[in-house]
């Protein structure tokens, strides 16, 4: 599966199949959340949250690709990520784009 943020794929004509998306809501456990709140006092990267968001993006992307595959897509163009806080310590990550079939 080809994933691009552009609206076209160089050297290919495309047939648009439709919108695809994948999402997940992730949270950290309360113990990890407390240790990360201490980190905000001294500053620096909140590594546990960085890892959480990396995992969330990977899962959302996987779900988006699976949806595209069920449509018979060869690629996803105009792919984007969106995130939003749904509550303290939990975030939704959505991956979305346009599923396309390549026509050479």
PDB file of N, CA and C in Angstrom:
ATOM      1  N   UNK A   1       0.859  -1.174   0.000  1.00  0.00           N
ATOM      2  CA  UNK A   1       0.000   0.000   0.000  1.00  0.00           C
ATOM      3  C   UNK A   1       0.903   1.233   0.000  1.00  0.00           C
ATOM      4  N   UNK A   2       0.649   2.123  -0.942  1.00  0.00           N
ATOM      5  CA  UNK A   2       1.385   3.378  -1.029  1.00  0.00           C
ATOM      6  C   UNK A   2       0.609   4.442  -0.254  1.00  0.00           C
ATOM      7  N   UNK A   3       1.293   5.147   0.634  1.00  0.00           N
ATOM      8  CA  UNK A   3       0.689   6.247   1.392  1.00  0.00           C
ATOM      9  C   UNK A   3       1.440   7.524   1.056  1.00  0.00           C
ATOM     10  N   UNK A   4       0.711   8.542   0.595  1.00  0.00           N
ATOM     11  CA  UNK A   4       1.349   9.820   0.284  1.00  0.00           C
ATOM     12  C   UNK A   4       0.490  10.966   0.807  1.00  0.00           C
ATOM     13  N   UNK A   5       1.148  12.076   1.078  1.00  0.00           N
ATOM     14  CA  UNK A   5       0.418  13.264   1.527  1.00  0.00           C
ATOM     15  C   UNK A   5       0.025  14.155   0.348  1.00  0.00           C
ATOM     16  N   UNK A   6       0.525  13.831  -0.828  1.00  0.00           N
ATOM     17  CA  UNK A   6       0.200  14.591  -2.030  1.00  0.00           C
ATOM     18  C   UNK A   6      -1.127  14.102  -2.609  1.00  0.00           C
ATOM     19  N   UNK A   7      -1.675  14.869  -3.544  1.00  0.00           N
ATOM     20  CA  UNK A   7      -2.953  14.500  -4.148  1.00  0.00           C
ATOM     21  C   UNK A   7      -2.796  13.593  -5.356  1.00  0.00           C
ATOM     22  N   UNK A   8      -1.559  13.379  -5.789  1.00  0.00           N
ATOM     23  CA  UNK A   8      -1.274  12.513  -6.928  1.00  0.00           C
ATOM     24  C   UNK A   8      -0.079  11.633  -6.593  1.00  0.00           C
ATOM     25  N   UNK A   9       0.138  10.631  -7.441  1.00  0.00           N
ATOM     26  CA  UNK A   9       1.317   9.782  -7.321  1.00  0.00           C
ATOM     27  C   UNK A   9       2.045   9.882  -8.652  1.00  0.00           C
ATOM     28  N   UNK A  10       3.267  10.356  -8.619  1.00  0.00           N
ATOM     29  CA  UNK A  10       4.037  10.596  -9.843  1.00  0.00           C
ATOM     30  C   UNK A  10       4.059   9.351 -10.728  1.00  0.00           C
ATOM     31  N   UNK A  11       3.780   9.566 -12.012  1.00  0.00           N
ATOM     32  CA  UNK A  11       3.844   8.482 -12.982  1.00  0.00           C
ATOM     33  C   UNK A  11       2.602   7.604 -13.031  1.00  0.00           C
ATOM     34  N   UNK A  12       1.575   7.954 -12.271  1.00  0.00           N
ATOM     35  CA  UNK A  12       0.356   7.133 -12.235  1.00  0.00           C
ATOM     36  C   UNK A  12      -0.883   8.000 -12.382  1.00  0.00           C
ATOM     37  N   UNK A  13      -1.844   7.472 -13.083  1.00  0.00           N
ATOM     38  CA  UNK A  13      -3.178   8.042 -13.060  1.00  0.00           C
ATOM     39  C   UNK A  13      -3.922   7.296 -11.960  1.00  0.00           C
ATOM     40  N   UNK A  14      -4.868   7.968 -11.337  1.00  0.00           N
ATOM     41  CA  UNK A  14      -5.582   7.333 -10.231  1.00  0.00           C
ATOM     42  C   UNK A  14      -7.089   7.373 -10.438  1.00  0.00           C
ATOM     43  N   UNK A  15      -7.736   6.377  -9.881  1.00  0.00           N
ATOM     44  CA  UNK A  15      -9.196   6.328  -9.831  1.00  0.00           C
ATOM     45  C   UNK A  15      -9.579   6.445  -8.356  1.00  0.00           C
ATOM     46  N   UNK A  16     -10.338   7.458  -8.016  1.00  0.00           N
ATOM     47  CA  UNK A  16     -10.716   7.695  -6.627  1.00  0.00           C
ATOM     48  C   UNK A  16     -11.776   6.684  -6.198  1.00  0.00           C
ATOM     49  N   UNK A  17     -11.526   6.029  -5.061  1.00  0.00           N
ATOM     50  CA  UNK A  17     -12.479   5.067  -4.499  1.00  0.00           C
ATOM     51  C   UNK A  17     -13.280   5.660  -3.353  1.00  0.00           C
ATOM     52  N   UNK A  18     -12.675   6.580  -2.607  1.00  0.00           N
ATOM     53  CA  UNK A  18     -13.394   7.216  -1.515  1.00  0.00           C
ATOM     54  C   UNK A  18     -12.547   7.461  -0.282  1.00  0.00           C
ATOM     55  N   UNK A  19     -13.175   8.106   0.683  1.00  0.00           N
ATOM     56  CA  UNK A  19     -12.536   8.439   1.951  1.00  0.00           C
ATOM     57  C   UNK A  19     -12.296   7.187   2.783  1.00  0.00           C
ATOM     58  N   UNK A  20     -11.127   7.115   3.401  1.00  0.00           N
ATOM     59  CA  UNK A  20     -10.827   6.049   4.364  1.00  0.00           C
ATOM     60  C   UNK A  20     -10.272   6.688   5.624  1.00  0.00           C
ATOM     61  N   UNK A  21     -10.508   6.032   6.746  1.00  0.00           N
ATOM     62  CA  UNK A  21      -9.993   6.553   8.003  1.00  0.00           C
ATOM     63  C   UNK A  21      -9.769   5.430   8.986  1.00  0.00           C
ATOM     64  N   UNK A  22      -8.955   5.728   9.960  1.00  0.00           N
ATOM     65  CA  UNK A  22      -8.714   4.818  11.068  1.00  0.00           C
ATOM     66  C   UNK A  22      -8.496   5.666  12.297  1.00  0.00           C
ATOM     67  N   UNK A  23      -8.982   5.214  13.432  1.00  0.00           N
ATOM     68  CA  UNK A  23      -8.790   6.009  14.645  1.00  0.00           C
ATOM     69  C   UNK A  23      -8.617   5.119  15.856  1.00  0.00           C
ATOM     70  N   UNK A  24      -8.125   5.728  16.903  1.00  0.00           N
ATOM     71  CA  UNK A  24      -7.968   5.061  18.185  1.00  0.00           C
ATOM     72  C   UNK A  24      -7.945   6.123  19.278  1.00  0.00           C
ATOM     73  N   UNK A  25      -8.339   5.728  20.459  1.00  0.00           N
ATOM     74  CA  UNK A  25      -8.209   6.590  21.629  1.00  0.00           C
ATOM     75  C   UNK A  25      -7.284   5.862  22.588  1.00  0.00           C
ATOM     76  N   UNK A  26      -6.230   6.539  22.971  1.00  0.00           N
ATOM     77  CA  UNK A  26      -5.205   5.949  23.828  1.00  0.00           C
ATOM     78  C   UNK A  26      -5.103   6.732  25.133  1.00  0.00           C
ATOM     79  N   UNK A  27      -4.744   6.032  26.195  1.00  0.00           N
ATOM     80  CA  UNK A  27      -4.491   6.700  27.469  1.00  0.00           C
ATOM     81  C   UNK A  27      -3.332   6.009  28.175  1.00  0.00           C
ATOM     82  N   UNK A  28      -2.755   6.708  29.104  1.00  0.00           N
ATOM     83  CA  UNK A  28      -1.685   6.148  29.925  1.00  0.00           C
ATOM     84  C   UNK A  28      -2.258   5.758  31.274  1.00  0.00           C
ATOM     85  N   UNK A  29      -1.596   4.806  31.933  1.00  0.00           N
ATOM     86  CA  UNK A  29      -2.090   4.405  33.259  1.00  0.00           C
ATOM     87  C   UNK A  29      -1.823   5.502  34.285  1.00  0.00           C
ATOM     88  N   UNK A  30      -2.547   5.469  35.361  1.00  0.00           N
ATOM     89  CA  UNK A  30      -2.502   6.533  36.371  1.00  0.00           C
ATOM     90  C   UNK A  30      -1.103   6.711  36.968  1.00  0.00           C
ATOM     91  N   UNK A  31      -0.381   5.620  37.196  1.00  0.00           N
ATOM     92  CA  UNK A  31       0.976   5.715  37.741  1.00  0.00           C
ATOM     93  C   UNK A  31       1.914   6.447  36.803  1.00  0.00           C
ATOM     94  N   UNK A  32       1.831   6.112  35.516  1.00  0.00           N
ATOM     95  CA  UNK A  32       2.667   6.766  34.516  1.00  0.00           C
ATOM     96  C   UNK A  32       2.256   8.226  34.374  1.00  0.00           C
ATOM     97  N   UNK A  33       0.963   8.498  34.479  1.00  0.00           N
ATOM     98  CA  UNK A  33       0.457   9.858  34.354  1.00  0.00           C
ATOM     99  C   UNK A  33       1.011  10.748  35.472  1.00  0.00           C
ATOM    100  N   UNK A  34       1.089  10.219  36.676  1.00  0.00           N
ATOM    101  CA  UNK A  34       1.621  10.982  37.811  1.00  0.00           C
ATOM    102  C   UNK A  34       3.092  11.301  37.598  1.00  0.00           C
ATOM    103  N   UNK A  35       3.876  10.326  37.138  1.00  0.00           N
ATOM    104  CA  UNK A  35       5.307  10.588  36.922  1.00  0.00           C
ATOM    105  C   UNK A  35       5.511  11.605  35.806  1.00  0.00           C
ATOM    106  N   UNK A  36       4.660  11.568  34.786  1.00  0.00           N
ATOM    107  CA  UNK A  36       4.774  12.539  33.699  1.00  0.00           C
ATOM    108  C   UNK A  36       4.392  13.944  34.161  1.00  0.00           C
ATOM    109  N   UNK A  37       3.447  14.043  35.112  1.00  0.00           N
ATOM    110  CA  UNK A  37       3.064  15.372  35.609  1.00  0.00           C
ATOM    111  C   UNK A  37       4.216  16.013  36.368  1.00  0.00           C
ATOM    112  N   UNK A  38       5.036  15.206  37.048  1.00  0.00           N
ATOM    113  CA  UNK A  38       6.225  15.755  37.711  1.00  0.00           C
ATOM    114  C   UNK A  38       7.207  16.309  36.680  1.00  0.00           C
ATOM    115  N   UNK A  39       7.285  15.675  35.531  1.00  0.00           N
ATOM    116  CA  UNK A  39       8.201  16.103  34.475  1.00  0.00           C
ATOM    117  C   UNK A  39       7.840  17.502  33.985  1.00  0.00           C
ATOM    118  N   UNK A  40       6.567  17.868  34.047  1.00  0.00           N
ATOM    119  CA  UNK A  40       6.164  19.201  33.581  1.00  0.00           C
ATOM    120  C   UNK A  40       6.727  20.303  34.469  1.00  0.00           C
ATOM    121  N   UNK A  41       7.087  19.966  35.691  1.00  0.00           N
ATOM    122  CA  UNK A  41       7.661  20.954  36.609  1.00  0.00           C
ATOM    123  C   UNK A  41       9.068  21.345  36.170  1.00  0.00           C
ATOM    124  N   UNK A  42       9.867  20.351  35.786  1.00  0.00           N
ATOM    125  CA  UNK A  42      11.258  20.617  35.418  1.00  0.00           C
ATOM    126  C   UNK A  42      11.449  20.805  33.921  1.00  0.00           C
ATOM    127  N   UNK A  43      10.460  20.444  33.114  1.00  0.00           N
ATOM    128  CA  UNK A  43      10.549  20.603  31.668  1.00  0.00           C
ATOM    129  C   UNK A  43      11.171  19.402  30.993  1.00  0.00           C
ATOM    130  N   UNK A  44      11.098  19.387  29.688  1.00  0.00           N
ATOM    131  CA  UNK A  44      11.664  18.299  28.896  1.00  0.00           C
ATOM    132  C   UNK A  44      10.582  17.476  28.223  1.00  0.00           C
ATOM    133  N   UNK A  45      11.028  16.526  27.442  1.00  0.00           N
ATOM    134  CA  UNK A  45      10.114  15.674  26.683  1.00  0.00           C
ATOM    135  C   UNK A  45       9.362  14.725  27.608  1.00  0.00           C
ATOM    136  N   UNK A  46       8.084  14.571  27.351  1.00  0.00           N
ATOM    137  CA  UNK A  46       7.266  13.599  28.073  1.00  0.00           C
ATOM    138  C   UNK A  46       7.290  12.304  27.266  1.00  0.00           C
ATOM    139  N   UNK A  47       8.323  11.507  27.489  1.00  0.00           N
ATOM    140  CA  UNK A  47       8.585  10.338  26.648  1.00  0.00           C
ATOM    141  C   UNK A  47       7.444   9.331  26.657  1.00  0.00           C
ATOM    142  N   UNK A  48       6.797   9.146  27.786  1.00  0.00           N
ATOM    143  CA  UNK A  48       5.683   8.190  27.845  1.00  0.00           C
ATOM    144  C   UNK A  48       4.550   8.635  26.923  1.00  0.00           C
ATOM    145  N   UNK A  49       4.310   9.930  26.857  1.00  0.00           N
ATOM    146  CA  UNK A  49       3.254  10.442  25.979  1.00  0.00           C
ATOM    147  C   UNK A  49       3.688  10.410  24.514  1.00  0.00           C
ATOM    148  N   UNK A  50       4.965  10.643  24.261  1.00  0.00           N
ATOM    149  CA  UNK A  50       5.479  10.528  22.896  1.00  0.00           C
ATOM    150  C   UNK A  50       5.287   9.107  22.401  1.00  0.00           C
ATOM    151  N   UNK A  51       5.628   8.136  23.233  1.00  0.00           N
ATOM    152  CA  UNK A  51       5.452   6.726  22.860  1.00  0.00           C
ATOM    153  C   UNK A  51       3.977   6.391  22.668  1.00  0.00           C
ATOM    154  N   UNK A  52       3.118   6.929  23.529  1.00  0.00           N
ATOM    155  CA  UNK A  52       1.685   6.685  23.412  1.00  0.00           C
ATOM    156  C   UNK A  52       1.168   7.212  22.074  1.00  0.00           C
ATOM    157  N   UNK A  53       1.573   8.425  21.698  1.00  0.00           N
ATOM    158  CA  UNK A  53       1.105   9.013  20.446  1.00  0.00           C
ATOM    159  C   UNK A  53       1.682   8.295  19.233  1.00  0.00           C
ATOM    160  N   UNK A  54       2.935   7.831  19.317  1.00  0.00           N
ATOM    161  CA  UNK A  54       3.520   7.046  18.226  1.00  0.00           C
ATOM    162  C   UNK A  54       2.723   5.760  18.012  1.00  0.00           C
ATOM    163  N   UNK A  55       2.390   5.088  19.107  1.00  0.00           N
ATOM    164  CA  UNK A  55       1.596   3.852  19.014  1.00  0.00           C
ATOM    165  C   UNK A  55       0.206   4.131  18.461  1.00  0.00           C
ATOM    166  N   UNK A  56      -0.383   5.230  18.896  1.00  0.00           N
ATOM    167  CA  UNK A  56      -1.727   5.594  18.428  1.00  0.00           C
ATOM    168  C   UNK A  56      -1.710   5.890  16.933  1.00  0.00           C
ATOM    169  N   UNK A  57      -0.697   6.623  16.452  1.00  0.00           N
ATOM    170  CA  UNK A  57      -0.605   6.911  15.017  1.00  0.00           C
ATOM    171  C   UNK A  57      -0.429   5.629  14.214  1.00  0.00           C
ATOM    172  N   UNK A  58       0.409   4.728  14.710  1.00  0.00           N
ATOM    173  CA  UNK A  58       0.633   3.461  14.004  1.00  0.00           C
ATOM    174  C   UNK A  58      -0.653   2.643  13.921  1.00  0.00           C
ATOM    175  N   UNK A  59      -1.407   2.579  15.001  1.00  0.00           N
ATOM    176  CA  UNK A  59      -2.658   1.817  15.019  1.00  0.00           C
ATOM    177  C   UNK A  59      -3.704   2.470  14.120  1.00  0.00           C
ATOM    178  N   UNK A  60      -3.819   3.786  14.175  1.00  0.00           N
ATOM    179  CA  UNK A  60      -4.781   4.491  13.323  1.00  0.00           C
ATOM    180  C   UNK A  60      -4.428   4.289  11.841  1.00  0.00           C
ATOM    181  N   UNK A  61      -3.142   4.346  11.517  1.00  0.00           N
ATOM    182  CA  UNK A  61      -2.699   4.128  10.141  1.00  0.00           C
ATOM    183  C   UNK A  61      -3.038   2.716   9.690  1.00  0.00           C
ATOM    184  N   UNK A  62      -2.767   1.736  10.544  1.00  0.00           N
ATOM    185  CA  UNK A  62      -3.068   0.333  10.223  1.00  0.00           C
ATOM    186  C   UNK A  62      -4.559   0.161   9.937  1.00  0.00           C
ATOM    187  N   UNK A  63      -5.401   0.741  10.740  1.00  0.00           N
ATOM    188  CA  UNK A  63      -6.844   0.627  10.543  1.00  0.00           C
ATOM    189  C   UNK A  63      -7.299   1.313   9.257  1.00  0.00           C
ATOM    190  N   UNK A  64      -6.684   2.445   8.940  1.00  0.00           N
ATOM    191  CA  UNK A  64      -7.008   3.151   7.701  1.00  0.00           C
ATOM    192  C   UNK A  64      -6.620   2.300   6.489  1.00  0.00           C
ATOM    193  N   UNK A  65      -5.414   1.723   6.527  1.00  0.00           N
ATOM    194  CA  UNK A  65      -4.936   0.878   5.437  1.00  0.00           C
ATOM    195  C   UNK A  65      -5.847  -0.342   5.269  1.00  0.00           C
ATOM    196  N   UNK A  66      -6.259  -0.955   6.369  1.00  0.00           N
ATOM    197  CA  UNK A  66      -7.159  -2.111   6.289  1.00  0.00           C
ATOM    198  C   UNK A  66      -8.479  -1.731   5.613  1.00  0.00           C
ATOM    199  N   UNK A  67      -9.006  -0.557   5.932  1.00  0.00           N
ATOM    200  CA  UNK A  67     -10.242  -0.097   5.302  1.00  0.00           C
ATOM    201  C   UNK A  67     -10.036   0.104   3.799  1.00  0.00           C
ATOM    202  N   UNK A  68      -8.891   0.685   3.434  1.00  0.00           N
ATOM    203  CA  UNK A  68      -8.579   0.901   2.014  1.00  0.00           C
ATOM    204  C   UNK A  68      -8.440  -0.423   1.278  1.00  0.00           C
ATOM    205  N   UNK A  69      -7.815  -1.406   1.918  1.00  0.00           N
ATOM    206  CA  UNK A  69      -7.636  -2.721   1.296  1.00  0.00           C
ATOM    207  C   UNK A  69      -8.984  -3.391   1.028  1.00  0.00           C
ATOM    208  N   UNK A  70      -9.947  -3.218   1.934  1.00  0.00           N
ATOM    209  CA  UNK A  70     -11.270  -3.824   1.710  1.00  0.00           C
ATOM    210  C   UNK A  70     -11.979  -3.180   0.517  1.00  0.00           C
ATOM    211  N   UNK A  71     -11.585  -1.960   0.151  1.00  0.00           N
ATOM    212  CA  UNK A  71     -12.157  -1.273  -1.008  1.00  0.00           C
ATOM    213  C   UNK A  71     -11.411  -1.624  -2.295  1.00  0.00           C
ATOM    214  N   UNK A  72     -10.317  -2.380  -2.174  1.00  0.00           N
ATOM    215  CA  UNK A  72      -9.511  -2.729  -3.340  1.00  0.00           C
ATOM    216  C   UNK A  72      -8.514  -1.659  -3.743  1.00  0.00           C
ATOM    217  N   UNK A  73      -8.151  -0.791  -2.815  1.00  0.00           N
ATOM    218  CA  UNK A  73      -7.233   0.312  -3.112  1.00  0.00           C
ATOM    219  C   UNK A  73      -5.791  -0.167  -3.236  1.00  0.00           C
ATOM    220  N   UNK A  74      -5.045   0.550  -4.081  1.00  0.00           N
ATOM    221  CA  UNK A  74      -3.602   0.330  -4.216  1.00  0.00           C
ATOM    222  C   UNK A  74      -2.814   1.357  -3.420  1.00  0.00           C
ATOM    223  N   UNK A  75      -3.468   2.478  -3.121  1.00  0.00           N
ATOM    224  CA  UNK A  75      -2.760   3.584  -2.466  1.00  0.00           C
ATOM    225  C   UNK A  75      -3.761   4.468  -1.735  1.00  0.00           C
ATOM    226  N   UNK A  76      -3.212   5.320  -0.874  1.00  0.00           N
ATOM    227  CA  UNK A  76      -3.989   6.359  -0.195  1.00  0.00           C
ATOM    228  C   UNK A  76      -3.270   7.669  -0.449  1.00  0.00           C
ATOM    229  N   UNK A  77      -4.011   8.627  -1.030  1.00  0.00           N
ATOM    230  CA  UNK A  77      -3.437   9.944  -1.302  1.00  0.00           C
ATOM    231  C   UNK A  77      -4.035  10.958  -0.337  1.00  0.00           C
ATOM    232  N   UNK A  78      -3.380  12.113  -0.257  1.00  0.00           N
ATOM    233  CA  UNK A  78      -3.824  13.203   0.624  1.00  0.00           C
ATOM    234  C   UNK A  78      -3.988  12.715   2.063  1.00  0.00           C
ATOM    235  N   UNK A  79      -3.081  11.851   2.499  1.00  0.00           N
ATOM    236  CA  UNK A  79      -3.146  11.251   3.832  1.00  0.00           C
ATOM    237  C   UNK A  79      -2.778  12.287   4.883  1.00  0.00           C
ATOM    238  N   UNK A  80      -3.549  12.311   5.968  1.00  0.00           N
ATOM    239  CA  UNK A  80      -3.338  13.262   7.058  1.00  0.00           C
ATOM    240  C   UNK A  80      -3.569  12.588   8.407  1.00  0.00           C
ATOM    241  N   UNK A  81      -3.070  13.236   9.458  1.00  0.00           N
ATOM    242  CA  UNK A  81      -3.349  12.841  10.838  1.00  0.00           C
ATOM    243  C   UNK A  81      -4.065  13.979  11.540  1.00  0.00           C
ATOM    244  N   UNK A  82      -4.900  13.608  12.471  1.00  0.00           N
ATOM    245  CA  UNK A  82      -5.580  14.578  13.319  1.00  0.00           C
ATOM    246  C   UNK A  82      -5.558  14.015  14.731  1.00  0.00           C
ATOM    247  N   UNK A  83      -5.436  14.884  15.714  1.00  0.00           N
ATOM    248  CA  UNK A  83      -5.494  14.405  17.098  1.00  0.00           C
ATOM    249  C   UNK A  83      -6.283  15.389  17.935  1.00  0.00           C
ATOM    250  N   UNK A  84      -6.887  14.843  18.978  1.00  0.00           N
ATOM    251  CA  UNK A  84      -7.673  15.675  19.885  1.00  0.00           C
ATOM    252  C   UNK A  84      -7.655  15.043  21.267  1.00  0.00           C
ATOM    253  N   UNK A  85      -7.643  15.874  22.259  1.00  0.00           N
ATOM    254  CA  UNK A  85      -7.733  15.397  23.635  1.00  0.00           C
ATOM    255  C   UNK A  85      -9.201  15.088  23.927  1.00  0.00           C
ATOM    256  N   UNK A  86      -9.473  13.892  24.433  1.00  0.00           N
ATOM    257  CA  UNK A  86     -10.852  13.544  24.773  1.00  0.00           C
ATOM    258  C   UNK A  86     -11.102  13.619  26.273  1.00  0.00           C
ATOM    259  N   UNK A  87     -10.019  13.584  27.032  1.00  0.00           N
ATOM    260  CA  UNK A  87     -10.060  13.790  28.476  1.00  0.00           C
ATOM    261  C   UNK A  87      -8.613  13.895  28.928  1.00  0.00           C
ATOM    262  N   UNK A  88      -8.392  14.313  30.152  1.00  0.00           N
ATOM    263  CA  UNK A  88      -7.016  14.447  30.617  1.00  0.00           C
ATOM    264  C   UNK A  88      -6.322  13.098  30.558  1.00  0.00           C
ATOM    265  N   UNK A  89      -5.184  13.048  29.864  1.00  0.00           N
ATOM    266  CA  UNK A  89      -4.409  11.815  29.772  1.00  0.00           C
ATOM    267  C   UNK A  89      -4.858  10.871  28.682  1.00  0.00           C
ATOM    268  N   UNK A  90      -5.851  11.262  27.873  1.00  0.00           N
ATOM    269  CA  UNK A  90      -6.320  10.410  26.776  1.00  0.00           C
ATOM    270  C   UNK A  90      -6.462  11.252  25.518  1.00  0.00           C
ATOM    271  N   UNK A  91      -6.060  10.678  24.402  1.00  0.00           N
ATOM    272  CA  UNK A  91      -6.131  11.402  23.140  1.00  0.00           C
ATOM    273  C   UNK A  91      -6.635  10.496  22.035  1.00  0.00           C
ATOM    274  N   UNK A  92      -7.416  11.085  21.136  1.00  0.00           N
ATOM    275  CA  UNK A  92      -7.840  10.375  19.933  1.00  0.00           C
ATOM    276  C   UNK A  92      -6.888  10.757  18.814  1.00  0.00           C
ATOM    277  N   UNK A  93      -6.477   9.775  18.046  1.00  0.00           N
ATOM    278  CA  UNK A  93      -5.677  10.014  16.854  1.00  0.00           C
ATOM    279  C   UNK A  93      -6.441   9.426  15.683  1.00  0.00           C
ATOM    280  N   UNK A  94      -6.579  10.223  14.622  1.00  0.00           N
ATOM    281  CA  UNK A  94      -7.251   9.762  13.423  1.00  0.00           C
ATOM    282  C   UNK A  94      -6.304   9.910  12.243  1.00  0.00           C
ATOM    283  N   UNK A  95      -6.247   8.874  11.419  1.00  0.00           N
ATOM    284  CA  UNK A  95      -5.535   8.922  10.149  1.00  0.00           C
ATOM    285  C   UNK A  95      -6.607   8.867   9.064  1.00  0.00           C
ATOM    286  N   UNK A  96      -6.479   9.724   8.045  1.00  0.00           N
ATOM    287  CA  UNK A  96      -7.480   9.712   6.988  1.00  0.00           C
ATOM    288  C   UNK A  96      -6.865  10.128   5.666  1.00  0.00           C
ATOM    289  N   UNK A  97      -7.521   9.744   4.595  1.00  0.00           N
ATOM    290  CA  UNK A  97      -7.057  10.085   3.266  1.00  0.00           C
ATOM    291  C   UNK A  97      -8.043   9.566   2.233  1.00  0.00           C
ATOM    292  N   UNK A  98      -7.623   9.601   0.990  1.00  0.00           N
ATOM    293  CA  UNK A  98      -8.468   9.152  -0.115  1.00  0.00           C
ATOM    294  C   UNK A  98      -7.901   7.872  -0.693  1.00  0.00           C
ATOM    295  N   UNK A  99      -8.699   6.809  -0.673  1.00  0.00           N
ATOM    296  CA  UNK A  99      -8.285   5.529  -1.238  1.00  0.00           C
ATOM    297  C   UNK A  99      -8.397   5.639  -2.753  1.00  0.00           C
ATOM    298  N   UNK A 100      -7.364   5.144  -3.442  1.00  0.00           N
ATOM    299  CA  UNK A 100      -7.333   5.198  -4.901  1.00  0.00           C
ATOM    300  C   UNK A 100      -6.848   3.882  -5.497  1.00  0.00           C
ATOM    301  N   UNK A 101      -7.245   3.662  -6.721  1.00  0.00           N
ATOM    302  CA  UNK A 101      -6.767   2.536  -7.517  1.00  0.00           C
ATOM    303  C   UNK A 101      -5.814   3.132  -8.557  1.00  0.00           C
ATOM    304  N   UNK A 102      -4.654   2.526  -8.726  1.00  0.00           N
ATOM    305  CA  UNK A 102      -3.676   3.023  -9.706  1.00  0.00           C
ATOM    306  C   UNK A 102      -4.041   2.539 -11.096  1.00  0.00           C
ATOM    307  N   UNK A 103      -3.972   3.465 -12.049  1.00  0.00           N
ATOM    308  CA  UNK A 103      -4.227   3.145 -13.452  1.00  0.00           C
ATOM    309  C   UNK A 103      -2.990   3.565 -14.237  1.00  0.00           C
ATOM    310  N   UNK A 104      -2.238   2.606 -14.722  1.00  0.00           N
ATOM    311  CA  UNK A 104      -0.989   2.944 -15.427  1.00  0.00           C
ATOM    312  C   UNK A 104      -1.194   3.241 -16.886  1.00  0.00           C
TER     313      UNK A 104
END
